[in-house]
Amino acid sequence: MAVTEAQFLGIKTAVEKLQHSGRQPTDIHGHPPTLTIGEVFGLLVENVRHDPKWQMDEADAAEILSRLLDNDKSQINEIIRELRPLGYDAVVTRLGEIRAKARPGKRPKTFRRRMTWKPKR
């Protein structure tokens, strides 16, 4: 079940209210800080799987987070590379669908492009 536009806008509005309320987001579960965006998605999926307060599918939660963060294709590829070996198949499938519609990411410079000198005009 995909996330509808109305559901997404409701969640986005709630997140924006929380950001502007002056409260600092805290980790109430005692988790160490995450280092990569893939770890953030993994933590989200584990919370959705094991916390009964969440009333949604893990793939829907990952889609909402990806849309809130406005991930580009290169970021989504990085997330998929981290989550695929961990067995998050439903999330990887949904992120693959999102990747097809996402804006292009930054292309890494090749050695030739880095070493080519062009005078400024």
PDB file of N, CA and C in Angstrom:
ATOM      1  N   MET A   1       0.846  -1.177   0.000  1.00  0.00           N
ATOM      2  CA  MET A   1       0.000   0.000   0.000  1.00  0.00           C
ATOM      3  C   MET A   1       0.887   1.233   0.000  1.00  0.00           C
ATOM      4  N   ALA A   2       0.765   2.037  -1.004  1.00  0.00           N
ATOM      5  CA  ALA A   2       1.577   3.250  -1.104  1.00  0.00           C
ATOM      6  C   ALA A   2       0.974   4.352  -0.231  1.00  0.00           C
ATOM      7  N   VAL A   3       1.798   5.312   0.081  1.00  0.00           N
ATOM      8  CA  VAL A   3       1.372   6.433   0.902  1.00  0.00           C
ATOM      9  C   VAL A   3       0.633   7.430   0.012  1.00  0.00           C
ATOM     10  N   THR A   4      -0.550   7.853   0.443  1.00  0.00           N
ATOM     11  CA  THR A   4      -1.297   8.834  -0.339  1.00  0.00           C
ATOM     12  C   THR A   4      -0.728  10.230  -0.093  1.00  0.00           C
ATOM     13  N   GLU A   5      -1.039  11.119  -0.980  1.00  0.00           N
ATOM     14  CA  GLU A   5      -0.554  12.500  -0.860  1.00  0.00           C
ATOM     15  C   GLU A   5      -1.109  13.161   0.405  1.00  0.00           C
ATOM     16  N   ALA A   6      -2.347  12.867   0.758  1.00  0.00           N
ATOM     17  CA  ALA A   6      -2.955  13.441   1.960  1.00  0.00           C
ATOM     18  C   ALA A   6      -2.237  12.960   3.225  1.00  0.00           C
ATOM     19  N   GLN A   7      -1.908  11.657   3.278  1.00  0.00           N
ATOM     20  CA  GLN A   7      -1.168  11.136   4.437  1.00  0.00           C
ATOM     21  C   GLN A   7       0.196  11.806   4.543  1.00  0.00           C
ATOM     22  N   PHE A   8       0.878  11.919   3.411  1.00  0.00           N
ATOM     23  CA  PHE A   8       2.208  12.521   3.425  1.00  0.00           C
ATOM     24  C   PHE A   8       2.152  13.975   3.879  1.00  0.00           C
ATOM     25  N   LEU A   9       1.194  14.747   3.374  1.00  0.00           N
ATOM     26  CA  LEU A   9       1.095  16.151   3.760  1.00  0.00           C
ATOM     27  C   LEU A   9       0.765  16.305   5.240  1.00  0.00           C
ATOM     28  N   GLY A  10      -0.069  15.409   5.772  1.00  0.00           N
ATOM     29  CA  GLY A  10      -0.371  15.449   7.205  1.00  0.00           C
ATOM     30  C   GLY A  10       0.864  15.198   8.055  1.00  0.00           C
ATOM     31  N   ILE A  11       1.663  14.215   7.672  1.00  0.00           N
ATOM     32  CA  ILE A  11       2.888  13.912   8.415  1.00  0.00           C
ATOM     33  C   ILE A  11       3.900  15.045   8.256  1.00  0.00           C
ATOM     34  N   LYS A  12       4.021  15.585   7.056  1.00  0.00           N
ATOM     35  CA  LYS A  12       4.960  16.687   6.822  1.00  0.00           C
ATOM     36  C   LYS A  12       4.588  17.915   7.660  1.00  0.00           C
ATOM     37  N   THR A  13       3.302  18.211   7.766  1.00  0.00           N
ATOM     38  CA  THR A  13       2.845  19.330   8.587  1.00  0.00           C
ATOM     39  C   THR A  13       3.182  19.102  10.054  1.00  0.00           C
ATOM     40  N   ALA A  14       2.983  17.884  10.538  1.00  0.00           N
ATOM     41  CA  ALA A  14       3.302  17.567  11.935  1.00  0.00           C
ATOM     42  C   ALA A  14       4.798  17.693  12.204  1.00  0.00           C
ATOM     43  N   VAL A  15       5.627  17.267  11.244  1.00  0.00           N
ATOM     44  CA  VAL A  15       7.082  17.376  11.413  1.00  0.00           C
ATOM     45  C   VAL A  15       7.504  18.840  11.429  1.00  0.00           C
ATOM     46  N   GLU A  16       6.914  19.650  10.565  1.00  0.00           N
ATOM     47  CA  GLU A  16       7.261  21.071  10.530  1.00  0.00           C
ATOM     48  C   GLU A  16       6.856  21.765  11.822  1.00  0.00           C
ATOM     49  N   LYS A  17       5.700  21.397  12.395  1.00  0.00           N
ATOM     50  CA  LYS A  17       5.297  21.966  13.681  1.00  0.00           C
ATOM     51  C   LYS A  17       6.300  21.608  14.768  1.00  0.00           C
ATOM     52  N   LEU A  18       6.756  20.353  14.776  1.00  0.00           N
ATOM     53  CA  LEU A  18       7.723  19.911  15.771  1.00  0.00           C
ATOM     54  C   LEU A  18       9.044  20.651  15.623  1.00  0.00           C
ATOM     55  N   GLN A  19       9.473  20.902  14.380  1.00  0.00           N
ATOM     56  CA  GLN A  19      10.732  21.603  14.149  1.00  0.00           C
ATOM     57  C   GLN A  19      10.667  23.034  14.661  1.00  0.00           C
ATOM     58  N   HIS A  20       9.506  23.675  14.529  1.00  0.00           N
ATOM     59  CA  HIS A  20       9.390  25.080  14.901  1.00  0.00           C
ATOM     60  C   HIS A  20       8.917  25.275  16.331  1.00  0.00           C
ATOM     61  N   SER A  21       8.739  24.191  17.077  1.00  0.00           N
ATOM     62  CA  SER A  21       8.252  24.322  18.446  1.00  0.00           C
ATOM     63  C   SER A  21       9.369  24.605  19.439  1.00  0.00           C
ATOM     64  N   GLY A  22      10.626  24.536  19.012  1.00  0.00           N
ATOM     65  CA  GLY A  22      11.742  24.797  19.909  1.00  0.00           C
ATOM     66  C   GLY A  22      12.227  23.553  20.630  1.00  0.00           C
ATOM     67  N   ARG A  23      11.528  22.422  20.480  1.00  0.00           N
ATOM     68  CA  ARG A  23      11.958  21.187  21.127  1.00  0.00           C
ATOM     69  C   ARG A  23      13.086  20.562  20.341  1.00  0.00           C
ATOM     70  N   GLN A  24      14.017  20.018  21.057  1.00  0.00           N
ATOM     71  CA  GLN A  24      15.110  19.289  20.422  1.00  0.00           C
ATOM     72  C   GLN A  24      14.702  17.832  20.267  1.00  0.00           C
ATOM     73  N   PRO A  25      14.904  17.259  19.085  1.00  0.00           N
ATOM     74  CA  PRO A  25      14.599  15.833  18.951  1.00  0.00           C
ATOM     75  C   PRO A  25      15.569  15.004  19.790  1.00  0.00           C
ATOM     76  N   THR A  26      15.032  14.123  20.584  1.00  0.00           N
ATOM     77  CA  THR A  26      15.871  13.285  21.436  1.00  0.00           C
ATOM     78  C   THR A  26      15.579  11.830  21.163  1.00  0.00           C
ATOM     79  N   ASP A  27      16.530  10.996  21.462  1.00  0.00           N
ATOM     80  CA  ASP A  27      16.356   9.571  21.296  1.00  0.00           C
ATOM     81  C   ASP A  27      15.963   8.991  22.648  1.00  0.00           C
ATOM     82  N   ILE A  28      14.693   8.674  22.798  1.00  0.00           N
ATOM     83  CA  ILE A  28      14.204   8.197  24.093  1.00  0.00           C
ATOM     84  C   ILE A  28      14.545   6.742  24.340  1.00  0.00           C
ATOM     85  N   HIS A  29      15.026   6.044  23.310  1.00  0.00           N
ATOM     86  CA  HIS A  29      15.328   4.628  23.457  1.00  0.00           C
ATOM     87  C   HIS A  29      16.786   4.376  23.825  1.00  0.00           C
ATOM     88  N   GLY A  30      17.605   5.412  23.885  1.00  0.00           N
ATOM     89  CA  GLY A  30      18.995   5.241  24.249  1.00  0.00           C
ATOM     90  C   GLY A  30      19.881   4.744  23.129  1.00  0.00           C
ATOM     91  N   HIS A  31      19.445   4.895  21.886  1.00  0.00           N
ATOM     92  CA  HIS A  31      20.264   4.460  20.754  1.00  0.00           C
ATOM     93  C   HIS A  31      21.433   5.412  20.556  1.00  0.00           C
ATOM     94  N   PRO A  32      22.597   4.878  20.157  1.00  0.00           N
ATOM     95  CA  PRO A  32      23.717   5.773  19.846  1.00  0.00           C
ATOM     96  C   PRO A  32      23.397   6.572  18.588  1.00  0.00           C
ATOM     97  N   PRO A  33      24.070   7.697  18.393  1.00  0.00           N
ATOM     98  CA  PRO A  33      23.780   8.490  17.200  1.00  0.00           C
ATOM     99  C   PRO A  33      24.090   7.715  15.932  1.00  0.00           C
ATOM    100  N   THR A  34      23.266   7.918  14.919  1.00  0.00           N
ATOM    101  CA  THR A  34      23.478   7.221  13.656  1.00  0.00           C
ATOM    102  C   THR A  34      24.534   7.956  12.844  1.00  0.00           C
ATOM    103  N   LEU A  35      25.265   7.214  12.041  1.00  0.00           N
ATOM    104  CA  LEU A  35      26.363   7.786  11.285  1.00  0.00           C
ATOM    105  C   LEU A  35      26.025   7.988   9.815  1.00  0.00           C
ATOM    106  N   THR A  36      25.217   7.115   9.247  1.00  0.00           N
ATOM    107  CA  THR A  36      24.899   7.212   7.830  1.00  0.00           C
ATOM    108  C   THR A  36      23.393   7.281   7.646  1.00  0.00           C
ATOM    109  N   ILE A  37      22.988   7.711   6.465  1.00  0.00           N
ATOM    110  CA  ILE A  37      21.557   7.796   6.180  1.00  0.00           C
ATOM    111  C   ILE A  37      20.935   6.400   6.131  1.00  0.00           C
ATOM    112  N   GLY A  38      21.714   5.405   5.721  1.00  0.00           N
ATOM    113  CA  GLY A  38      21.215   4.034   5.723  1.00  0.00           C
ATOM    114  C   GLY A  38      20.902   3.547   7.127  1.00  0.00           C
ATOM    115  N   GLU A  39      21.713   3.957   8.093  1.00  0.00           N
ATOM    116  CA  GLU A  39      21.446   3.589   9.488  1.00  0.00           C
ATOM    117  C   GLU A  39      20.173   4.242   9.995  1.00  0.00           C
ATOM    118  N   VAL A  40      19.900   5.460   9.560  1.00  0.00           N
ATOM    119  CA  VAL A  40      18.657   6.138   9.952  1.00  0.00           C
ATOM    120  C   VAL A  40      17.457   5.351   9.436  1.00  0.00           C
ATOM    121  N   PHE A  41      17.532   4.912   8.177  1.00  0.00           N
ATOM    122  CA  PHE A  41      16.436   4.132   7.615  1.00  0.00           C
ATOM    123  C   PHE A  41      16.320   2.780   8.310  1.00  0.00           C
ATOM    124  N   GLY A  42      17.429   2.132   8.629  1.00  0.00           N
ATOM    125  CA  GLY A  42      17.390   0.864   9.342  1.00  0.00           C
ATOM    126  C   GLY A  42      16.763   1.006  10.719  1.00  0.00           C
ATOM    127  N   LEU A  43      17.109   2.087  11.425  1.00  0.00           N
ATOM    128  CA  LEU A  43      16.527   2.343  12.739  1.00  0.00           C
ATOM    129  C   LEU A  43      15.025   2.582  12.629  1.00  0.00           C
ATOM    130  N   LEU A  44      14.631   3.320  11.617  1.00  0.00           N
ATOM    131  CA  LEU A  44      13.207   3.563  11.398  1.00  0.00           C
ATOM    132  C   LEU A  44      12.457   2.255  11.160  1.00  0.00           C
ATOM    133  N   VAL A  45      12.993   1.410  10.296  1.00  0.00           N
ATOM    134  CA  VAL A  45      12.328   0.143   9.973  1.00  0.00           C
ATOM    135  C   VAL A  45      12.225  -0.741  11.213  1.00  0.00           C
ATOM    136  N   GLU A  46      13.277  -0.809  12.000  1.00  0.00           N
ATOM    137  CA  GLU A  46      13.221  -1.627  13.223  1.00  0.00           C
ATOM    138  C   GLU A  46      12.201  -1.085  14.212  1.00  0.00           C
ATOM    139  N   ASN A  47      12.094   0.237  14.331  1.00  0.00           N
ATOM    140  CA  ASN A  47      11.084   0.811  15.225  1.00  0.00           C
ATOM    141  C   ASN A  47       9.677   0.514  14.727  1.00  0.00           C
ATOM    142  N   VAL A  48       9.461   0.595  13.426  1.00  0.00           N
ATOM    143  CA  VAL A  48       8.140   0.299  12.861  1.00  0.00           C
ATOM    144  C   VAL A  48       7.790  -1.176  13.078  1.00  0.00           C
ATOM    145  N   ARG A  49       8.770  -2.062  12.920  1.00  0.00           N
ATOM    146  CA  ARG A  49       8.509  -3.497  13.086  1.00  0.00           C
ATOM    147  C   ARG A  49       8.156  -3.868  14.518  1.00  0.00           C
ATOM    148  N   HIS A  50       8.801  -3.251  15.496  1.00  0.00           N
ATOM    149  CA  HIS A  50       8.695  -3.733  16.872  1.00  0.00           C
ATOM    150  C   HIS A  50       7.888  -2.840  17.806  1.00  0.00           C
ATOM    151  N   ASP A  51       7.456  -1.669  17.362  1.00  0.00           N
ATOM    152  CA  ASP A  51       6.703  -0.772  18.234  1.00  0.00           C
ATOM    153  C   ASP A  51       5.248  -0.756  17.779  1.00  0.00           C
ATOM    154  N   PRO A  52       4.325  -1.171  18.633  1.00  0.00           N
ATOM    155  CA  PRO A  52       2.912  -1.239  18.216  1.00  0.00           C
ATOM    156  C   PRO A  52       2.285   0.133  17.983  1.00  0.00           C
ATOM    157  N   LYS A  53       2.923   1.213  18.419  1.00  0.00           N
ATOM    158  CA  LYS A  53       2.361   2.546  18.196  1.00  0.00           C
ATOM    159  C   LYS A  53       2.324   2.903  16.713  1.00  0.00           C
ATOM    160  N   TRP A  54       3.273   2.372  15.947  1.00  0.00           N
ATOM    161  CA  TRP A  54       3.299   2.650  14.517  1.00  0.00           C
ATOM    162  C   TRP A  54       2.148   1.888  13.872  1.00  0.00           C
ATOM    163  N   GLN A  55       1.366   2.565  13.101  1.00  0.00           N
ATOM    164  CA  GLN A  55       0.216   1.940  12.451  1.00  0.00           C
ATOM    165  C   GLN A  55       0.429   1.880  10.940  1.00  0.00           C
ATOM    166  N   MET A  56       1.664   1.584  10.502  1.00  0.00           N
ATOM    167  CA  MET A  56       1.927   1.551   9.066  1.00  0.00           C
ATOM    168  C   MET A  56       2.954   0.492   8.735  1.00  0.00           C
ATOM    169  N   ASP A  57       3.047   0.211   7.468  1.00  0.00           N
ATOM    170  CA  ASP A  57       3.980  -0.757   6.926  1.00  0.00           C
ATOM    171  C   ASP A  57       5.385  -0.150   6.927  1.00  0.00           C
ATOM    172  N   GLU A  58       6.409  -0.983   7.030  1.00  0.00           N
ATOM    173  CA  GLU A  58       7.782  -0.487   7.046  1.00  0.00           C
ATOM    174  C   GLU A  58       8.170   0.190   5.736  1.00  0.00           C
ATOM    175  N   ALA A  59       7.653  -0.299   4.619  1.00  0.00           N
ATOM    176  CA  ALA A  59       7.952   0.324   3.323  1.00  0.00           C
ATOM    177  C   ALA A  59       7.308   1.701   3.229  1.00  0.00           C
ATOM    178  N   ASP A  60       6.093   1.856   3.787  1.00  0.00           N
ATOM    179  CA  ASP A  60       5.444   3.165   3.798  1.00  0.00           C
ATOM    180  C   ASP A  60       6.237   4.157   4.647  1.00  0.00           C
ATOM    181  N   ALA A  61       6.723   3.703   5.787  1.00  0.00           N
ATOM    182  CA  ALA A  61       7.514   4.581   6.653  1.00  0.00           C
ATOM    183  C   ALA A  61       8.795   5.023   5.950  1.00  0.00           C
ATOM    184  N   ALA A  62       9.446   4.107   5.245  1.00  0.00           N
ATOM    185  CA  ALA A  62      10.666   4.459   4.514  1.00  0.00           C
ATOM    186  C   ALA A  62      10.363   5.439   3.389  1.00  0.00           C
ATOM    187  N   GLU A  63       9.222   5.248   2.719  1.00  0.00           N
ATOM    188  CA  GLU A  63       8.837   6.183   1.656  1.00  0.00           C
ATOM    189  C   GLU A  63       8.601   7.582   2.217  1.00  0.00           C
ATOM    190  N   ILE A  64       7.921   7.662   3.337  1.00  0.00           N
ATOM    191  CA  ILE A  64       7.651   8.969   3.946  1.00  0.00           C
ATOM    192  C   ILE A  64       8.952   9.648   4.333  1.00  0.00           C
ATOM    193  N   LEU A  65       9.870   8.909   4.955  1.00  0.00           N
ATOM    194  CA  LEU A  65      11.141   9.509   5.350  1.00  0.00           C
ATOM    195  C   LEU A  65      11.935   9.967   4.135  1.00  0.00           C
ATOM    196  N   SER A  66      11.950   9.182   3.089  1.00  0.00           N
ATOM    197  CA  SER A  66      12.679   9.552   1.884  1.00  0.00           C
ATOM    198  C   SER A  66      12.090  10.803   1.247  1.00  0.00           C
ATOM    199  N   ARG A  67      10.778  10.896   1.238  1.00  0.00           N
ATOM    200  CA  ARG A  67      10.137  12.081   0.669  1.00  0.00           C
ATOM    201  C   ARG A  67      10.350  13.300   1.551  1.00  0.00           C
ATOM    202  N   LEU A  68      10.341  13.127   2.859  1.00  0.00           N
ATOM    203  CA  LEU A  68      10.598  14.256   3.762  1.00  0.00           C
ATOM    204  C   LEU A  68      12.022  14.785   3.595  1.00  0.00           C
ATOM    205  N   LEU A  69      12.971  13.866   3.417  1.00  0.00           N
ATOM    206  CA  LEU A  69      14.365  14.269   3.250  1.00  0.00           C
ATOM    207  C   LEU A  69      14.686  14.719   1.830  1.00  0.00           C
ATOM    208  N   ASP A  70      13.759  14.481   0.898  1.00  0.00           N
ATOM    209  CA  ASP A  70      13.930  14.839  -0.514  1.00  0.00           C
ATOM    210  C   ASP A  70      15.228  14.251  -1.060  1.00  0.00           C
ATOM    211  N   ASN A  71      15.370  12.935  -0.895  1.00  0.00           N
ATOM    212  CA  ASN A  71      16.571  12.237  -1.349  1.00  0.00           C
ATOM    213  C   ASN A  71      16.676  12.232  -2.864  1.00  0.00           C
ATOM    214  N   ASP A  72      17.906  12.383  -3.371  1.00  0.00           N
ATOM    215  CA  ASP A  72      18.128  12.241  -4.803  1.00  0.00           C
ATOM    216  C   ASP A  72      18.549  10.797  -5.095  1.00  0.00           C
ATOM    217  N   LYS A  73      18.783  10.498  -6.376  1.00  0.00           N
ATOM    218  CA  LYS A  73      19.070   9.115  -6.780  1.00  0.00           C
ATOM    219  C   LYS A  73      20.329   8.561  -6.128  1.00  0.00           C
ATOM    220  N   SER A  74      21.374   9.382  -6.001  1.00  0.00           N
ATOM    221  CA  SER A  74      22.616   8.876  -5.415  1.00  0.00           C
ATOM    222  C   SER A  74      22.431   8.557  -3.930  1.00  0.00           C
ATOM    223  N   GLN A  75      21.654   9.354  -3.216  1.00  0.00           N
ATOM    224  CA  GLN A  75      21.391   9.073  -1.802  1.00  0.00           C
ATOM    225  C   GLN A  75      20.547   7.811  -1.651  1.00  0.00           C
ATOM    226  N   ILE A  76      19.553   7.653  -2.519  1.00  0.00           N
ATOM    227  CA  ILE A  76      18.712   6.461  -2.451  1.00  0.00           C
ATOM    228  C   ILE A  76      19.534   5.214  -2.779  1.00  0.00           C
ATOM    229  N   ASN A  77      20.449   5.332  -3.745  1.00  0.00           N
ATOM    230  CA  ASN A  77      21.336   4.195  -4.048  1.00  0.00           C
ATOM    231  C   ASN A  77      22.175   3.810  -2.838  1.00  0.00           C
ATOM    232  N   GLU A  78      22.672   4.812  -2.109  1.00  0.00           N
ATOM    233  CA  GLU A  78      23.472   4.551  -0.908  1.00  0.00           C
ATOM    234  C   GLU A  78      22.637   3.824   0.152  1.00  0.00           C
ATOM    235  N   ILE A  79      21.401   4.249   0.324  1.00  0.00           N
ATOM    236  CA  ILE A  79      20.515   3.612   1.307  1.00  0.00           C
ATOM    237  C   ILE A  79      20.249   2.163   0.909  1.00  0.00           C
ATOM    238  N   ILE A  80      19.957   1.949  -0.365  1.00  0.00           N
ATOM    239  CA  ILE A  80      19.676   0.592  -0.847  1.00  0.00           C
ATOM    240  C   ILE A  80      20.890  -0.304  -0.667  1.00  0.00           C
ATOM    241  N   ARG A  81      22.089   0.230  -0.943  1.00  0.00           N
ATOM    242  CA  ARG A  81      23.321  -0.569  -0.779  1.00  0.00           C
ATOM    243  C   ARG A  81      23.517  -1.003   0.672  1.00  0.00           C
ATOM    244  N   GLU A  82      23.102  -0.169   1.617  1.00  0.00           N
ATOM    245  CA  GLU A  82      23.262  -0.537   3.026  1.00  0.00           C
ATOM    246  C   GLU A  82      22.164  -1.477   3.514  1.00  0.00           C
ATOM    247  N   LEU A  83      20.946  -1.318   3.010  1.00  0.00           N
ATOM    248  CA  LEU A  83      19.823  -2.096   3.541  1.00  0.00           C
ATOM    249  C   LEU A  83      19.639  -3.458   2.877  1.00  0.00           C
ATOM    250  N   ARG A  84      20.060  -3.607   1.626  1.00  0.00           N
ATOM    251  CA  ARG A  84      19.859  -4.883   0.915  1.00  0.00           C
ATOM    252  C   ARG A  84      20.533  -6.054   1.639  1.00  0.00           C
ATOM    253  N   PRO A  85      21.810  -5.930   2.061  1.00  0.00           N
ATOM    254  CA  PRO A  85      22.433  -7.078   2.748  1.00  0.00           C
ATOM    255  C   PRO A  85      21.793  -7.409   4.099  1.00  0.00           C
ATOM    256  N   LEU A  86      21.062  -6.454   4.671  1.00  0.00           N
ATOM    257  CA  LEU A  86      20.440  -6.684   5.971  1.00  0.00           C
ATOM    258  C   LEU A  86      19.078  -7.358   5.865  1.00  0.00           C
ATOM    259  N   GLY A  87      18.581  -7.551   4.647  1.00  0.00           N
ATOM    260  CA  GLY A  87      17.338  -8.279   4.458  1.00  0.00           C
ATOM    261  C   GLY A  87      16.078  -7.436   4.514  1.00  0.00           C
ATOM    262  N   TYR A  88      16.180  -6.141   4.304  1.00  0.00           N
ATOM    263  CA  TYR A  88      15.002  -5.275   4.286  1.00  0.00           C
ATOM    264  C   TYR A  88      14.441  -5.246   2.868  1.00  0.00           C
ATOM    265  N   ASP A  89      13.902  -6.376   2.399  1.00  0.00           N
ATOM    266  CA  ASP A  89      13.495  -6.520   1.001  1.00  0.00           C
ATOM    267  C   ASP A  89      12.346  -5.597   0.613  1.00  0.00           C
ATOM    268  N   ALA A  90      11.328  -5.487   1.465  1.00  0.00           N
ATOM    269  CA  ALA A  90      10.182  -4.630   1.137  1.00  0.00           C
ATOM    270  C   ALA A  90      10.611  -3.162   1.032  1.00  0.00           C
ATOM    271  N   VAL A  91      11.490  -2.748   1.930  1.00  0.00           N
ATOM    272  CA  VAL A  91      11.969  -1.360   1.921  1.00  0.00           C
ATOM    273  C   VAL A  91      12.828  -1.106   0.688  1.00  0.00           C
ATOM    274  N   VAL A  92      13.693  -2.050   0.363  1.00  0.00           N
ATOM    275  CA  VAL A  92      14.568  -1.894  -0.809  1.00  0.00           C
ATOM    276  C   VAL A  92      13.731  -1.824  -2.082  1.00  0.00           C
ATOM    277  N   THR A  93      12.688  -2.642  -2.171  1.00  0.00           N
ATOM    278  CA  THR A  93      11.812  -2.608  -3.341  1.00  0.00           C
ATOM    279  C   THR A  93      11.124  -1.257  -3.465  1.00  0.00           C
ATOM    280  N   ARG A  94      10.591  -0.743  -2.349  1.00  0.00           N
ATOM    281  CA  ARG A  94       9.912   0.561  -2.380  1.00  0.00           C
ATOM    282  C   ARG A  94      10.887   1.678  -2.705  1.00  0.00           C
ATOM    283  N   LEU A  95      12.080   1.639  -2.141  1.00  0.00           N
ATOM    284  CA  LEU A  95      13.069   2.680  -2.456  1.00  0.00           C
ATOM    285  C   LEU A  95      13.498   2.609  -3.917  1.00  0.00           C
ATOM    286  N   GLY A  96      13.508   1.406  -4.493  1.00  0.00           N
ATOM    287  CA  GLY A  96      13.797   1.274  -5.919  1.00  0.00           C
ATOM    288  C   GLY A  96      12.738   1.957  -6.771  1.00  0.00           C
ATOM    289  N   GLU A  97      11.472   1.861  -6.353  1.00  0.00           N
ATOM    290  CA  GLU A  97      10.398   2.554  -7.065  1.00  0.00           C
ATOM    291  C   GLU A  97      10.544   4.069  -6.929  1.00  0.00           C
ATOM    292  N   ILE A  98      10.928   4.518  -5.747  1.00  0.00           N
ATOM    293  CA  ILE A  98      11.111   5.955  -5.527  1.00  0.00           C
ATOM    294  C   ILE A  98      12.310   6.462  -6.324  1.00  0.00           C
ATOM    295  N   ARG A  99      13.358   5.652  -6.400  1.00  0.00           N
ATOM    296  CA  ARG A  99      14.570   6.038  -7.126  1.00  0.00           C
ATOM    297  C   ARG A  99      14.268   6.317  -8.593  1.00  0.00           C
ATOM    298  N   ALA A 100      13.339   5.560  -9.163  1.00  0.00           N
ATOM    299  CA  ALA A 100      12.995   5.753 -10.577  1.00  0.00           C
ATOM    300  C   ALA A 100      12.403   7.137 -10.832  1.00  0.00           C
ATOM    301  N   LYS A 101      11.751   7.711  -9.828  1.00  0.00           N
ATOM    302  CA  LYS A 101      11.122   9.026  -9.989  1.00  0.00           C
ATOM    303  C   LYS A 101      11.949  10.162  -9.390  1.00  0.00           C
ATOM    304  N   ALA A 102      13.025   9.837  -8.695  1.00  0.00           N
ATOM    305  CA  ALA A 102      13.797  10.861  -7.970  1.00  0.00           C
ATOM    306  C   ALA A 102      14.614  11.711  -8.935  1.00  0.00           C
ATOM    307  N   ARG A 103      14.986  12.894  -8.439  1.00  0.00           N
ATOM    308  CA  ARG A 103      15.830  13.775  -9.247  1.00  0.00           C
ATOM    309  C   ARG A 103      17.242  13.214  -9.281  1.00  0.00           C
ATOM    310  N   PRO A 104      17.977  13.516 -10.347  1.00  0.00           N
ATOM    311  CA  PRO A 104      19.341  12.981 -10.438  1.00  0.00           C
ATOM    312  C   PRO A 104      20.223  13.536  -9.326  1.00  0.00           C
ATOM    313  N   GLY A 105      21.162  12.727  -8.894  1.00  0.00           N
ATOM    314  CA  GLY A 105      22.080  13.147  -7.848  1.00  0.00           C
ATOM    315  C   GLY A 105      23.351  13.728  -8.436  1.00  0.00           C
ATOM    316  N   LYS A 106      24.247  14.077  -7.562  1.00  0.00           N
ATOM    317  CA  LYS A 106      25.536  14.601  -8.007  1.00  0.00           C
ATOM    318  C   LYS A 106      26.361  13.471  -8.601  1.00  0.00           C
ATOM    319  N   ARG A 107      26.923  13.727  -9.764  1.00  0.00           N
ATOM    320  CA  ARG A 107      27.792  12.728 -10.371  1.00  0.00           C
ATOM    321  C   ARG A 107      29.182  12.870  -9.786  1.00  0.00           C
ATOM    322  N   PRO A 108      29.765  11.786  -9.337  1.00  0.00           N
ATOM    323  CA  PRO A 108      31.129  11.894  -8.825  1.00  0.00           C
ATOM    324  C   PRO A 108      32.081  12.231  -9.961  1.00  0.00           C
ATOM    325  N   LYS A 109      33.042  13.080  -9.663  1.00  0.00           N
ATOM    326  CA  LYS A 109      34.000  13.462 -10.689  1.00  0.00           C
ATOM    327  C   LYS A 109      34.945  12.305 -10.980  1.00  0.00           C
ATOM    328  N   THR A 110      35.177  12.094 -12.244  1.00  0.00           N
ATOM    329  CA  THR A 110      36.143  11.084 -12.636  1.00  0.00           C
ATOM    330  C   THR A 110      37.535  11.687 -12.544  1.00  0.00           C
ATOM    331  N   PHE A 111      38.539  10.856 -12.631  1.00  0.00           N
ATOM    332  CA  PHE A 111      39.907  11.357 -12.555  1.00  0.00           C
ATOM    333  C   PHE A 111      40.177  12.369 -13.664  1.00  0.00           C
ATOM    334  N   ARG A 112      39.708  12.069 -14.861  1.00  0.00           N
ATOM    335  CA  ARG A 112      39.950  12.970 -15.988  1.00  0.00           C
ATOM    336  C   ARG A 112      39.270  14.321 -15.766  1.00  0.00           C
ATOM    337  N   ARG A 113      38.049  14.312 -15.268  1.00  0.00           N
ATOM    338  CA  ARG A 113      37.341  15.575 -15.027  1.00  0.00           C
ATOM    339  C   ARG A 113      37.995  16.369 -13.906  1.00  0.00           C
ATOM    340  N   ARG A 114      38.548  15.687 -12.919  1.00  0.00           N
ATOM    341  CA  ARG A 114      39.236  16.409 -11.835  1.00  0.00           C
ATOM    342  C   ARG A 114      40.536  17.027 -12.313  1.00  0.00           C
ATOM    343  N   MET A 115      41.215  16.362 -13.219  1.00  0.00           N
ATOM    344  CA  MET A 115      42.539  16.792 -13.644  1.00  0.00           C
ATOM    345  C   MET A 115      42.536  17.730 -14.854  1.00  0.00           C
ATOM    346  N   THR A 116      41.394  17.915 -15.450  1.00  0.00           N
ATOM    347  CA  THR A 116      41.320  18.807 -16.607  1.00  0.00           C
ATOM    348  C   THR A 116      41.209  20.244 -16.101  1.00  0.00           C
ATOM    349  N   TRP A 117      42.157  21.039 -16.504  1.00  0.00           N
ATOM    350  CA  TRP A 117      42.174  22.432 -16.079  1.00  0.00           C
ATOM    351  C   TRP A 117      41.516  23.290 -17.143  1.00  0.00           C
ATOM    352  N   LYS A 118      40.582  24.112 -16.721  1.00  0.00           N
ATOM    353  CA  LYS A 118      39.930  25.035 -17.651  1.00  0.00           C
ATOM    354  C   LYS A 118      40.112  26.441 -17.096  1.00  0.00           C
ATOM    355  N   PRO A 119      40.636  27.341 -17.895  1.00  0.00           N
ATOM    356  CA  PRO A 119      40.804  28.713 -17.403  1.00  0.00           C
ATOM    357  C   PRO A 119      39.448  29.371 -17.182  1.00  0.00           C
ATOM    358  N   LYS A 120      39.384  30.208 -16.156  1.00  0.00           N
ATOM    359  CA  LYS A 120      38.144  30.948 -15.875  1.00  0.00           C
ATOM    360  C   LYS A 120      38.049  32.098 -16.852  1.00  0.00           C
ATOM    361  N   ARG A 121      36.861  32.341 -17.307  1.00  0.00           N
ATOM    362  CA  ARG A 121      36.653  33.445 -18.257  1.00  0.00           C
ATOM    363  C   ARG A 121      36.039  34.625 -17.587  1.00  0.00           C
TER     364      ARG A 121
END
